Amino acid sequence: MGHAPPVASVRHRHRSSHQHSRHGSTDRQVSPLPAESTRQASARVRPRWVVPIWLRMAAYRLWLVAATSALCAVLLWLQNLLGAVPPHPSRGQTIVQWAELIWLCPVPAAVALWVGWFLFAEMALPDPVAVDAPRTRRRRSAPAQTVRLIFRIVTRGENVDVLRESVAAVHQAFKDYSAASGPYRIEVVSERALDDIACHERTRIYVVPVTYVAACHSRFKARALAYLQSQVQLSAHDWCIYLDEESMVDAAFLAGIYQYILRVSPPGRTTSRQRPCPIGQGAILYQGDNWFFQGADALRTADDLGRFRLQYALGVPLFGIHGSYIVVRSIEDAALSFDVGARNSLTEDAAWSLRAWARGHRFAWVSGTLYEQPPQTALDFVRQRARWLAGIRRVLRDRAVPVRFRLGLGLFTALWQLSFLPFLVAIAALLVHIAPFPWMRLAADFAWACYVLAYLQGVDRSVARRRRSAYASAVARNSTNRWQRGARTLGRSLVRVAAWALALCYIWYALLEAGGVLWSLVPKGGFFVIRKRGHLAARERSSTPQPVRLIGRSEGSQA
């Protein structure tokens, strides 16, 4: 693996070329700057040394092996200290000892998690470098056109503040993008009218009519997405990015999307002769005001960079996909409807991905990072997990998907359903003072160590790449005071180290996850959506919003 060029120099090159293309030729004579000013300017733009990517990946792999080994050794020591195996165990101890075999249930998921971390070392990789927007052509004789990104945001219409911020983040990302960006459009599909949202000219709002019924009678989010697909006619140069109402993008996210399109759809190929492009997805960071639940969802970020990274390298959705951050070309989007039926509507993302896989579509990894919000309360956390698990159980009975495509997701769903038992058995083992069988200790301890490391790495990633406002980013970039930069760097480092303590809440997070598993066994209806908080202050809202264009069922399709 070669050395990566300094990010600063690459972005400077792209920014210069982009400015030249927008402002015309720069052949006119320019008066030279004074020598002192030139030295000061060169000192400010002198690129700093960047650690080579191969070295960062190697260091991370060494740390991963050492940390896993250390945690396993600590767990083995604690087991020998707290619960040695007596020569003549009682009946209760014998029962608990055999029950400790349940500790092996998390091992398959832990192995996939750890292998994904080690092979791809996504934790050590920097943000993707900005590249010019890709260009494609339908035929060899046709002129090349820049791809257009279609951001599709689905909402109930209740969290208006959060939705407003998500829409504004897309516009800001294109303003901050250092290379030449391409055209884009935002499509918001809502179950309610959104009259008080200030819309950009590139933003369109679609309101699902109350009388709309999907062909397969899909409900909730699947119904809204199916309606949106039926109302919009896309071109062959469009790429759809499906997001939730709280999804926040930035310039690095755009760079990852453009790099992904360049990788799966090279410029030399025409869209008419090209094979189906893979469906892309990347990592999601969960950041919010509540640090405790930010740590609870850190497991999901580590899962993205490990287990999900592994499945996308294989090109198959063995574990399903997220309902947000779905990148699909318009040609494939037209062939894959979100109308998955009423039974599959609780987790339409899992049903959609399995049906796409069964029809021969592949999946791939996207390097950019998306930002979303974790649950704000323990009840929201439990109900969210319960909906996922109950919905996936229904998807596993989908007869439209052959059994062989449901086996992988079914196996890991069964292990997820049993995930509350290891915690209960661990409490019983502490009470009766009995250690597990020697032959199973290493595997069980490895699984526990992996999940502790998952919370630790997820929290570290979330804090290290905390999304800042546009104003704070501009202040950080334009600051020339060395002491101020050093103080900010020290402050961020201290916060990052302090956040590692959230991994110590692993027991409480396991209790919440167990509560979600148990709650999923209670029959219930409806599509639960967690409450979110908007980050924009009321004084920052526009006092004169532009008129919203509502596109209902009666209007025609728009390109």
Protein backbone atom coordinates (compact mmCIF):
# COMPACT_ATOMS: atom_id res chain seq x y z
CA MET A 1 0.00 0.00 0.00
CA GLY A 2 1.45 3.35 -1.05
CA HIS A 3 1.77 6.53 0.88
CA ALA A 4 -1.17 8.92 0.90
CA PRO A 5 -0.49 12.49 -0.22
CA PRO A 6 -0.98 15.20 2.38
CA VAL A 7 -4.66 16.09 2.59
CA ALA A 8 -3.92 19.80 2.80
CA SER A 9 -1.96 19.86 -0.43
CA VAL A 10 -4.54 17.81 -2.33
CA ARG A 11 -7.39 19.99 -1.22
CA HIS A 12 -5.39 23.11 -2.04
CA ARG A 13 -4.86 21.85 -5.58
CA HIS A 14 -8.53 21.05 -6.06
CA ARG A 15 -9.63 24.35 -4.62
CA SER A 16 -7.31 26.27 -6.94
CA SER A 17 -8.48 24.47 -10.04
CA HIS A 18 -12.10 24.89 -9.00
CA GLN A 19 -11.65 28.60 -8.49
CA HIS A 20 -9.96 28.96 -11.87
CA SER A 21 -12.82 27.19 -13.59
CA ARG A 22 -15.36 29.47 -11.95
CA HIS A 23 -13.59 32.78 -12.26
CA GLY A 24 -11.96 32.39 -15.65
CA SER A 25 -8.35 32.79 -16.77
CA THR A 26 -5.67 34.09 -14.43
CA ASP A 27 -3.06 35.08 -17.05
CA ARG A 28 -3.01 38.75 -16.11
CA GLN A 29 0.04 40.16 -14.35
CA VAL A 30 -0.06 40.13 -10.58
CA SER A 31 2.18 42.39 -8.51
CA PRO A 32 4.57 40.42 -6.32
CA LEU A 33 4.12 40.37 -2.57
CA PRO A 34 6.76 41.75 -0.23
CA ALA A 35 9.38 39.24 0.89
CA GLU A 36 8.23 39.29 4.51
CA SER A 37 4.61 38.68 3.54
CA THR A 38 5.66 35.85 1.26
CA ARG A 39 7.58 34.13 4.04
CA GLN A 40 4.60 34.48 6.40
CA ALA A 41 2.21 33.09 3.81
CA SER A 42 4.49 30.16 3.04
CA ALA A 43 4.81 29.42 6.73
CA ARG A 44 1.05 29.26 7.05
CA VAL A 45 0.50 26.92 4.10
CA ARG A 46 3.56 24.71 4.65
CA PRO A 47 2.12 21.17 4.72
CA ARG A 48 2.77 19.27 7.89
CA TRP A 49 4.04 15.74 7.90
CA VAL A 50 1.26 13.16 7.63
CA VAL A 51 1.64 9.67 9.06
CA PRO A 52 1.54 7.17 6.16
CA ILE A 53 -1.66 5.17 5.98
CA TRP A 54 0.12 1.83 5.98
CA LEU A 55 1.89 2.77 9.20
CA ARG A 56 -1.35 3.85 10.87
CA MET A 57 -3.02 0.61 9.86
CA ALA A 58 -0.11 -1.49 11.11
CA ALA A 59 -0.05 0.35 14.43
CA TYR A 60 -3.79 -0.12 14.85
CA ARG A 61 -3.57 -3.86 14.16
CA LEU A 62 -0.80 -4.23 16.74
CA TRP A 63 -2.89 -2.31 19.26
CA LEU A 64 -5.94 -4.45 18.51
CA VAL A 65 -4.07 -7.71 19.10
CA ALA A 66 -2.46 -6.39 22.28
CA ALA A 67 -5.70 -4.97 23.69
CA THR A 68 -7.66 -8.13 22.94
CA SER A 69 -4.98 -10.31 24.54
CA ALA A 70 -4.80 -8.09 27.62
CA LEU A 71 -8.55 -8.11 28.16
CA CYS A 72 -8.74 -11.88 27.71
CA ALA A 73 -5.94 -12.32 30.26
CA VAL A 74 -7.75 -10.07 32.76
CA LEU A 75 -10.98 -12.01 32.33
CA LEU A 76 -9.22 -15.34 32.81
CA TRP A 77 -7.57 -14.01 35.96
CA LEU A 78 -10.91 -12.79 37.34
CA GLN A 79 -12.56 -16.15 36.64
CA ASN A 80 -9.83 -18.00 38.48
CA LEU A 81 -10.03 -15.54 41.36
CA LEU A 82 -13.78 -15.33 41.82
CA GLY A 83 -15.01 -18.75 40.79
CA ALA A 84 -12.67 -21.71 40.86
CA VAL A 85 -14.12 -25.11 39.96
CA PRO A 86 -14.55 -27.14 43.19
CA PRO A 87 -13.64 -30.84 43.16
CA HIS A 88 -17.20 -31.78 44.10
CA PRO A 89 -19.59 -29.08 42.84
CA SER A 90 -23.12 -28.95 44.15
CA ARG A 91 -26.15 -29.53 41.99
CA GLY A 92 -26.78 -25.80 41.68
CA GLN A 93 -23.18 -25.15 40.68
CA THR A 94 -23.34 -27.92 38.10
CA ILE A 95 -26.51 -26.45 36.58
CA VAL A 96 -24.97 -22.99 36.39
CA GLN A 97 -21.76 -24.36 34.91
CA TRP A 98 -23.66 -26.04 32.07
CA ALA A 99 -25.74 -22.90 31.64
CA GLU A 100 -22.50 -20.99 31.08
CA LEU A 101 -22.34 -22.57 27.64
CA ILE A 102 -24.68 -19.75 26.62
CA TRP A 103 -21.61 -17.51 26.80
CA LEU A 104 -20.58 -19.00 23.47
CA CYS A 105 -23.58 -17.44 21.67
CA PRO A 106 -21.87 -14.07 21.05
CA VAL A 107 -18.73 -15.75 19.67
CA PRO A 108 -19.75 -15.85 15.95
CA ALA A 109 -20.66 -12.15 15.90
CA ALA A 110 -17.52 -11.29 17.89
CA VAL A 111 -15.30 -13.16 15.42
CA ALA A 112 -16.86 -11.34 12.46
CA LEU A 113 -16.47 -8.07 14.33
CA TRP A 114 -12.80 -8.60 15.16
CA VAL A 115 -11.86 -9.94 11.72
CA GLY A 116 -13.43 -6.86 10.09
CA TRP A 117 -11.47 -4.57 12.41
CA PHE A 118 -8.19 -6.35 11.76
CA LEU A 119 -8.42 -6.84 8.00
CA PHE A 120 -9.61 -3.37 7.01
CA ALA A 121 -8.45 -1.20 9.96
CA GLU A 122 -11.10 1.41 9.19
CA MET A 123 -10.57 2.87 12.65
CA ALA A 124 -7.13 4.07 11.59
CA LEU A 125 -8.06 5.56 8.23
CA PRO A 126 -8.50 9.33 7.76
CA ASP A 127 -11.43 11.04 6.07
CA PRO A 128 -11.60 10.52 2.30
CA VAL A 129 -9.84 13.13 0.17
CA ALA A 130 -12.01 15.38 -1.97
CA VAL A 131 -12.13 14.51 -5.68
CA ASP A 132 -13.91 16.14 -8.60
CA ALA A 133 -17.44 14.96 -9.22
CA PRO A 134 -17.49 11.89 -11.54
CA ARG A 135 -18.74 12.12 -15.10
CA THR A 136 -20.63 9.39 -16.95
CA ARG A 137 -22.07 8.94 -20.43
CA ARG A 138 -25.02 6.85 -21.60
CA ARG A 139 -23.37 5.93 -24.93
CA ARG A 140 -19.86 6.24 -26.26
CA SER A 141 -20.96 8.89 -28.75
CA ALA A 142 -22.89 10.89 -26.13
CA PRO A 143 -21.21 13.70 -24.20
CA ALA A 144 -20.15 12.98 -20.63
CA GLN A 145 -22.32 14.44 -17.88
CA THR A 146 -21.54 15.04 -14.23
CA VAL A 147 -23.41 12.72 -11.90
CA ARG A 148 -26.17 14.26 -9.84
CA LEU A 149 -26.70 13.27 -6.21
CA ILE A 150 -30.31 12.90 -5.07
CA PHE A 151 -30.64 13.09 -1.28
CA ARG A 152 -33.89 11.42 -0.24
CA ILE A 153 -35.00 12.17 3.32
CA VAL A 154 -38.05 10.46 4.79
CA THR A 155 -39.91 11.93 7.76
CA ARG A 156 -43.23 11.83 9.50
CA GLY A 157 -43.22 15.61 9.63
CA GLU A 158 -43.05 15.83 13.44
CA ASN A 159 -39.37 16.70 14.05
CA VAL A 160 -39.35 19.84 11.93
CA ASP A 161 -36.33 21.43 13.64
CA VAL A 162 -34.21 18.34 13.09
CA LEU A 163 -35.32 18.07 9.47
CA ARG A 164 -34.53 21.72 8.81
CA GLU A 165 -31.00 21.24 10.10
CA SER A 166 -30.46 18.10 8.02
CA VAL A 167 -31.51 19.90 4.84
CA ALA A 168 -29.25 22.85 5.66
CA ALA A 169 -26.33 20.47 6.29
CA VAL A 170 -26.53 19.17 2.71
CA HIS A 171 -26.34 22.68 1.28
CA GLN A 172 -23.47 23.56 3.62
CA ALA A 173 -21.56 20.41 2.65
CA PHE A 174 -21.52 21.45 -0.99
CA LYS A 175 -20.41 24.96 -0.04
CA ASP A 176 -17.52 23.54 2.00
CA TYR A 177 -16.48 20.96 -0.60
CA SER A 178 -12.94 21.80 -1.70
CA ALA A 179 -12.99 20.10 -5.12
CA ALA A 180 -15.36 20.60 -8.06
CA SER A 181 -18.76 19.32 -6.96
CA GLY A 182 -21.63 18.34 -9.19
CA PRO A 183 -25.37 19.08 -9.24
CA TYR A 184 -27.59 17.78 -6.47
CA ARG A 185 -31.16 17.80 -5.26
CA ILE A 186 -32.91 17.14 -1.97
CA GLU A 187 -36.20 15.26 -1.95
CA VAL A 188 -38.11 15.22 1.34
CA VAL A 189 -41.06 12.84 1.57
CA SER A 190 -43.36 13.44 4.51
CA GLU A 191 -46.67 12.21 5.83
CA ARG A 192 -47.56 15.78 6.84
CA ALA A 193 -47.33 19.17 5.19
CA LEU A 194 -44.14 21.09 5.97
CA ASP A 195 -45.22 24.66 5.41
CA ASP A 196 -42.73 26.33 7.78
CA ILE A 197 -39.49 24.95 6.35
CA ALA A 198 -37.33 27.42 4.44
CA CYS A 199 -36.51 25.56 1.26
CA HIS A 200 -33.65 26.03 -1.13
CA GLU A 201 -34.34 26.00 -4.85
CA ARG A 202 -32.78 22.53 -4.97
CA THR A 203 -35.16 21.19 -2.30
CA ARG A 204 -38.49 19.56 -3.11
CA ILE A 205 -41.05 18.30 -0.65
CA TYR A 206 -43.45 15.45 -1.42
CA VAL A 207 -46.43 14.87 0.86
CA VAL A 208 -47.88 11.37 0.80
CA PRO A 209 -51.65 11.59 0.27
CA VAL A 210 -53.77 10.05 3.00
CA THR A 211 -55.59 7.99 0.37
CA TYR A 212 -52.39 6.56 -1.14
CA VAL A 213 -52.19 2.77 -0.99
CA ALA A 214 -49.04 0.99 -2.19
CA ALA A 215 -49.41 -1.94 -4.57
CA CYS A 216 -48.22 -4.41 -1.92
CA HIS A 217 -49.93 -2.49 0.91
CA SER A 218 -46.70 -1.38 2.54
CA ARG A 219 -46.98 0.80 5.63
CA PHE A 220 -44.97 3.42 7.51
CA LYS A 221 -41.60 4.34 6.02
CA ALA A 222 -41.84 1.76 3.22
CA ARG A 223 -45.12 3.33 2.05
CA ALA A 224 -43.59 6.82 1.93
CA LEU A 225 -40.52 5.65 0.01
CA ALA A 226 -42.64 3.67 -2.44
CA TYR A 227 -44.72 6.80 -3.08
CA LEU A 228 -41.59 8.87 -3.67
CA GLN A 229 -40.23 6.32 -6.13
CA SER A 230 -43.50 6.38 -8.06
CA GLN A 231 -43.56 10.18 -8.32
CA VAL A 232 -40.02 10.95 -9.51
CA GLN A 233 -38.46 10.05 -12.84
CA LEU A 234 -34.66 9.99 -12.54
CA SER A 235 -32.02 10.14 -15.26
CA ALA A 236 -29.26 7.59 -15.82
CA HIS A 237 -26.71 9.99 -14.32
CA ASP A 238 -28.48 10.23 -10.94
CA TRP A 239 -27.41 8.52 -7.74
CA CYS A 240 -29.85 8.27 -4.82
CA ILE A 241 -28.75 8.60 -1.19
CA TYR A 242 -31.45 7.58 1.29
CA LEU A 243 -31.30 9.32 4.66
CA ASP A 244 -33.32 9.66 7.84
CA GLU A 245 -34.69 12.98 9.05
CA GLU A 246 -31.79 13.51 11.50
CA SER A 247 -29.00 12.46 9.10
CA MET A 248 -26.22 15.06 8.89
CA VAL A 249 -23.72 15.11 6.04
CA ASP A 250 -20.51 17.11 5.53
CA ALA A 251 -17.84 17.64 2.90
CA ALA A 252 -16.00 14.43 3.86
CA PHE A 253 -19.23 12.51 3.31
CA LEU A 254 -19.48 13.92 -0.21
CA ALA A 255 -15.87 12.96 -0.89
CA GLY A 256 -16.65 9.38 0.14
CA ILE A 257 -19.71 9.28 -2.12
CA TYR A 258 -17.81 10.60 -5.13
CA GLN A 259 -14.92 8.19 -4.53
CA TYR A 260 -17.40 5.32 -4.28
CA ILE A 261 -19.05 6.24 -7.58
CA LEU A 262 -15.64 6.47 -9.27
CA ARG A 263 -14.77 3.02 -7.95
CA VAL A 264 -17.95 1.13 -8.91
CA SER A 265 -18.75 3.13 -12.07
CA PRO A 266 -15.48 4.04 -13.82
CA PRO A 267 -15.67 7.00 -16.26
CA GLY A 268 -14.69 4.87 -19.26
CA ARG A 269 -17.82 2.72 -19.07
CA THR A 270 -21.19 3.71 -20.43
CA THR A 271 -24.33 3.32 -18.33
CA SER A 272 -26.11 1.41 -21.12
CA ARG A 273 -23.55 -1.43 -21.16
CA GLN A 274 -22.51 -1.38 -17.57
CA ARG A 275 -23.28 -4.21 -15.19
CA PRO A 276 -25.52 -3.41 -12.21
CA CYS A 277 -23.66 -1.16 -9.79
CA PRO A 278 -23.36 -2.35 -6.19
CA ILE A 279 -25.49 -0.80 -3.46
CA GLY A 280 -23.30 1.19 -1.10
CA GLN A 281 -23.33 1.92 2.60
CA GLY A 282 -20.82 3.30 5.12
CA ALA A 283 -20.36 4.00 8.81
CA ILE A 284 -22.73 6.08 10.93
CA LEU A 285 -21.63 8.09 13.97
CA TYR A 286 -24.21 8.72 16.68
CA GLN A 287 -23.72 12.06 18.37
CA GLY A 288 -26.05 14.01 20.58
CA ASP A 289 -26.45 15.94 23.81
CA ASN A 290 -26.74 12.83 26.00
CA TRP A 291 -23.28 11.34 26.46
CA PHE A 292 -24.55 8.16 28.10
CA PHE A 293 -26.68 7.13 25.13
CA GLN A 294 -24.01 8.31 22.73
CA GLY A 295 -21.83 5.68 24.36
CA ALA A 296 -24.63 3.12 24.13
CA ASP A 297 -24.87 3.58 20.36
CA ALA A 298 -21.06 3.51 20.03
CA LEU A 299 -21.47 -0.24 19.62
CA ARG A 300 -23.30 0.36 16.36
CA THR A 301 -20.46 2.49 14.98
CA ALA A 302 -17.88 -0.17 15.88
CA ASP A 303 -20.20 -2.76 14.32
CA ASP A 304 -20.26 -0.76 11.08
CA LEU A 305 -16.46 -0.61 10.95
CA GLY A 306 -16.08 -4.31 11.74
CA ARG A 307 -18.87 -6.76 11.01
CA PHE A 308 -20.66 -4.68 8.38
CA ARG A 309 -17.36 -3.72 6.77
CA LEU A 310 -16.63 -7.44 6.38
CA GLN A 311 -19.99 -8.25 4.81
CA TYR A 312 -19.67 -5.42 2.29
CA ALA A 313 -16.21 -6.70 1.35
CA LEU A 314 -17.95 -10.00 0.57
CA GLY A 315 -20.61 -8.10 -1.38
CA VAL A 316 -23.61 -9.61 0.43
CA PRO A 317 -25.93 -8.29 3.20
CA LEU A 318 -25.50 -11.24 5.56
CA PHE A 319 -26.49 -9.14 8.57
CA GLY A 320 -28.92 -6.81 6.81
CA ILE A 321 -28.34 -3.11 6.22
CA HIS A 322 -29.22 0.20 7.86
CA GLY A 323 -32.33 2.04 6.76
CA SER A 324 -30.24 5.19 6.36
CA TYR A 325 -27.11 5.85 4.28
CA ILE A 326 -28.16 3.74 1.29
CA VAL A 327 -26.35 4.73 -1.92
CA VAL A 328 -27.90 3.32 -5.09
CA ARG A 329 -27.73 4.32 -8.73
CA SER A 330 -30.99 5.46 -10.32
CA ILE A 331 -31.09 2.48 -12.70
CA GLU A 332 -31.00 0.02 -9.81
CA ASP A 333 -33.33 2.19 -7.73
CA ALA A 334 -35.99 1.97 -10.43
CA ALA A 335 -35.75 -1.83 -10.38
CA LEU A 336 -35.84 -2.20 -6.57
CA SER A 337 -39.04 -0.90 -5.04
CA PHE A 338 -39.41 -0.21 -1.32
CA ASP A 339 -42.94 -1.55 -1.55
CA VAL A 340 -42.07 -4.69 0.45
CA GLY A 341 -45.49 -5.45 1.90
CA ALA A 342 -47.25 -4.78 5.20
CA ARG A 343 -45.57 -7.63 7.10
CA ASN A 344 -42.09 -6.35 6.24
CA SER A 345 -42.81 -2.68 6.90
CA LEU A 346 -41.36 -2.58 10.45
CA THR A 347 -37.85 -3.14 9.06
CA GLU A 348 -38.22 -2.35 5.38
CA ASP A 349 -34.44 -1.97 5.02
CA ALA A 350 -33.79 -5.63 5.87
CA ALA A 351 -36.53 -6.86 3.53
CA TRP A 352 -35.36 -4.56 0.71
CA SER A 353 -31.72 -5.68 1.02
CA LEU A 354 -32.56 -9.40 1.05
CA ARG A 355 -34.77 -9.02 -2.02
CA ALA A 356 -32.05 -7.09 -3.81
CA TRP A 357 -29.50 -9.76 -2.92
CA ALA A 358 -31.82 -12.53 -4.12
CA ARG A 359 -32.15 -10.72 -7.48
CA GLY A 360 -28.38 -10.69 -7.98
CA HIS A 361 -27.44 -7.23 -6.71
CA ARG A 362 -24.18 -6.79 -4.84
CA PHE A 363 -23.27 -4.48 -1.97
CA ALA A 364 -20.11 -2.46 -1.28
CA TRP A 365 -18.50 -0.16 1.29
CA VAL A 366 -18.54 3.65 1.19
CA SER A 367 -15.74 5.52 2.96
CA GLY A 368 -17.64 8.65 4.06
CA THR A 369 -19.19 9.06 7.51
CA LEU A 370 -22.79 10.00 8.27
CA TYR A 371 -23.88 11.64 11.54
CA GLU A 372 -27.10 10.77 13.32
CA GLN A 373 -28.61 10.99 16.80
CA PRO A 374 -28.87 8.26 19.45
CA PRO A 375 -31.99 7.73 21.58
CA GLN A 376 -32.48 10.33 24.30
CA THR A 377 -34.09 8.12 26.98
CA ALA A 378 -33.84 4.52 28.19
CA LEU A 379 -37.42 3.83 27.08
CA ASP A 380 -36.71 5.09 23.55
CA PHE A 381 -33.58 2.93 23.43
CA VAL A 382 -35.47 -0.21 24.46
CA ARG A 383 -38.41 0.41 22.14
CA GLN A 384 -36.11 1.10 19.19
CA ARG A 385 -34.27 -2.22 19.64
CA ALA A 386 -37.54 -4.03 20.16
CA ARG A 387 -38.91 -2.75 16.85
CA TRP A 388 -35.80 -3.84 14.99
CA LEU A 389 -35.83 -7.34 16.40
CA ALA A 390 -39.58 -7.85 15.98
CA GLY A 391 -39.41 -6.54 12.42
CA ILE A 392 -36.48 -8.75 11.41
CA ARG A 393 -38.29 -11.82 12.73
CA ARG A 394 -41.11 -11.00 10.32
CA VAL A 395 -38.71 -10.41 7.43
CA LEU A 396 -37.23 -13.87 7.97
CA ARG A 397 -40.63 -15.30 7.01
CA ASP A 398 -40.71 -13.41 3.71
CA ARG A 399 -41.48 -16.00 1.05
CA ALA A 400 -40.36 -13.66 -1.72
CA VAL A 401 -36.75 -14.35 -0.65
CA PRO A 402 -35.32 -17.88 -1.03
CA VAL A 403 -34.32 -19.59 2.22
CA ARG A 404 -30.58 -19.58 1.46
CA PHE A 405 -30.57 -15.77 1.42
CA ARG A 406 -32.24 -15.65 4.84
CA LEU A 407 -29.96 -18.11 6.65
CA GLY A 408 -27.21 -15.67 7.63
CA LEU A 409 -29.57 -13.03 8.99
CA GLY A 410 -31.64 -15.74 10.67
CA LEU A 411 -28.64 -17.18 12.51
CA PHE A 412 -27.49 -13.86 13.89
CA THR A 413 -31.06 -12.86 14.76
CA ALA A 414 -31.43 -16.04 16.81
CA LEU A 415 -28.17 -15.24 18.62
CA TRP A 416 -29.42 -11.69 19.17
CA GLN A 417 -32.66 -13.06 20.64
CA LEU A 418 -30.60 -15.06 23.18
CA SER A 419 -28.24 -12.21 23.99
CA PHE A 420 -29.90 -11.38 27.33
CA LEU A 421 -29.18 -14.85 28.76
CA PRO A 422 -25.34 -14.58 29.08
CA PHE A 423 -25.73 -11.60 31.39
CA LEU A 424 -28.17 -13.46 33.65
CA VAL A 425 -25.93 -16.53 33.75
CA ALA A 426 -22.93 -14.36 34.65
CA ILE A 427 -24.82 -13.01 37.69
CA ALA A 428 -25.75 -16.56 38.72
CA ALA A 429 -22.12 -17.68 38.34
CA LEU A 430 -20.98 -14.89 40.67
CA LEU A 431 -23.58 -15.88 43.27
CA VAL A 432 -22.73 -19.60 43.36
CA HIS A 433 -18.96 -19.12 42.74
CA ILE A 434 -18.47 -21.40 39.76
CA ALA A 435 -16.19 -20.89 36.75
CA PRO A 436 -16.97 -22.13 33.23
CA PHE A 437 -15.44 -25.23 31.72
CA PRO A 438 -11.74 -24.67 30.94
CA TRP A 439 -12.14 -25.60 27.28
CA MET A 440 -14.66 -22.80 26.63
CA ARG A 441 -13.10 -19.98 28.64
CA LEU A 442 -10.89 -18.55 25.93
CA ALA A 443 -13.68 -18.36 23.33
CA ALA A 444 -16.16 -16.82 25.78
CA ASP A 445 -13.61 -14.34 27.12
CA PHE A 446 -12.69 -13.37 23.56
CA ALA A 447 -16.33 -12.49 22.83
CA TRP A 448 -16.62 -10.37 25.99
CA ALA A 449 -13.34 -8.62 25.21
CA CYS A 450 -14.52 -7.82 21.67
CA TYR A 451 -17.66 -6.09 22.87
CA VAL A 452 -15.77 -4.06 25.47
CA LEU A 453 -13.39 -2.98 22.71
CA ALA A 454 -16.38 -2.21 20.48
CA TYR A 455 -17.73 0.31 22.96
CA LEU A 456 -14.26 1.76 23.52
CA GLN A 457 -13.51 2.19 19.82
CA GLY A 458 -16.97 3.44 18.99
CA VAL A 459 -16.80 6.13 21.66
CA ASP A 460 -13.29 7.14 20.59
CA ARG A 461 -14.36 7.41 16.97
CA SER A 462 -17.42 9.44 17.86
CA VAL A 463 -15.44 11.96 19.93
CA ALA A 464 -12.45 12.14 17.59
CA ARG A 465 -14.69 12.95 14.61
CA ARG A 466 -17.22 15.07 16.37
CA ARG A 467 -19.13 17.16 13.89
CA ARG A 468 -18.60 20.89 14.35
CA SER A 469 -20.71 23.75 13.16
CA ALA A 470 -19.67 25.69 10.08
CA TYR A 471 -18.74 28.71 12.20
CA ALA A 472 -16.53 26.67 14.56
CA SER A 473 -14.82 24.98 11.61
CA ALA A 474 -14.11 28.34 9.97
CA VAL A 475 -12.65 29.73 13.19
CA ALA A 476 -10.40 26.69 13.57
CA ARG A 477 -9.18 26.94 9.98
CA ASN A 478 -8.49 30.68 10.06
CA SER A 479 -6.80 30.79 13.45
CA THR A 480 -3.11 31.70 13.26
CA ASN A 481 -2.41 31.83 16.99
CA ARG A 482 -0.21 28.88 17.90
CA TRP A 483 -1.30 28.95 21.54
CA GLN A 484 -4.97 28.91 20.63
CA ARG A 485 -4.49 25.97 18.30
CA GLY A 486 -2.52 24.13 20.96
CA ALA A 487 -5.17 24.80 23.60
CA ARG A 488 -7.92 23.49 21.32
CA THR A 489 -5.91 20.39 20.48
CA LEU A 490 -5.22 19.74 24.16
CA GLY A 491 -8.87 20.26 25.04
CA ARG A 492 -10.04 17.83 22.38
CA SER A 493 -7.50 15.27 23.52
CA LEU A 494 -8.63 15.52 27.14
CA VAL A 495 -12.28 15.14 26.15
CA ARG A 496 -11.37 12.16 24.01
CA VAL A 497 -9.55 10.41 26.85
CA ALA A 498 -12.34 11.20 29.31
CA ALA A 499 -14.90 9.71 26.91
CA TRP A 500 -13.15 6.34 27.09
CA ALA A 501 -14.70 5.97 30.54
CA LEU A 502 -18.06 5.38 28.81
CA ALA A 503 -16.79 1.90 27.93
CA LEU A 504 -16.99 1.16 31.67
CA CYS A 505 -20.78 1.48 31.34
CA TYR A 506 -20.74 -1.74 29.33
CA ILE A 507 -22.84 -3.53 31.96
CA TRP A 508 -25.57 -0.88 31.84
CA TYR A 509 -25.57 -0.91 28.06
CA ALA A 510 -25.92 -4.70 28.09
CA LEU A 511 -28.92 -4.34 30.41
CA LEU A 512 -30.56 -1.90 27.99
CA GLU A 513 -29.92 -4.23 25.05
CA ALA A 514 -31.39 -7.11 27.04
CA GLY A 515 -34.44 -4.99 27.80
CA GLY A 516 -34.95 -4.39 24.09
CA VAL A 517 -34.77 -8.13 23.40
CA LEU A 518 -37.37 -8.92 26.06
CA TRP A 519 -39.63 -6.04 25.00
CA SER A 520 -39.63 -7.36 21.43
CA LEU A 521 -41.48 -10.46 22.65
CA VAL A 522 -44.50 -8.35 23.65
CA PRO A 523 -46.97 -8.07 20.75
CA LYS A 524 -47.45 -4.48 19.66
CA GLY A 525 -48.24 -2.45 16.56
CA GLY A 526 -46.99 0.74 15.00
CA PHE A 527 -43.67 2.07 13.78
CA PHE A 528 -41.77 3.58 16.69
CA VAL A 529 -39.45 6.52 15.94
CA ILE A 530 -37.15 7.88 18.64
CA ARG A 531 -37.41 11.51 19.69
CA LYS A 532 -34.65 13.76 18.42
CA ARG A 533 -33.37 17.17 19.35
CA GLY A 534 -32.48 19.89 16.89
CA HIS A 535 -29.16 21.69 17.36
CA LEU A 536 -30.15 24.95 15.74
CA ALA A 537 -31.22 27.73 18.05
CA ALA A 538 -34.51 29.43 17.34
CA ARG A 539 -32.78 32.75 16.70
CA GLU A 540 -30.81 31.19 13.82
CA ARG A 541 -33.95 30.30 11.90
CA SER A 542 -34.82 32.37 8.89
CA SER A 543 -37.52 34.89 9.64
CA THR A 544 -38.65 35.00 5.99
CA PRO A 545 -38.78 31.44 4.69
CA GLN A 546 -39.04 30.88 0.99
CA PRO A 547 -42.23 29.27 -0.28
CA VAL A 548 -42.29 25.49 -0.17
CA ARG A 549 -43.13 23.57 -3.27
CA LEU A 550 -45.52 20.77 -2.32
CA ILE A 551 -45.67 18.00 -4.86
CA GLY A 552 -48.68 15.83 -4.25
CA ARG A 553 -50.12 12.88 -6.05
CA SER A 554 -51.87 15.02 -8.58
CA GLU A 555 -48.68 16.56 -9.98
CA GLY A 556 -46.60 14.92 -12.62
CA SER A 557 -43.15 13.46 -12.27
CA GLN A 558 -40.20 15.79 -12.13
CA ALA A 559 -36.78 14.97 -13.52
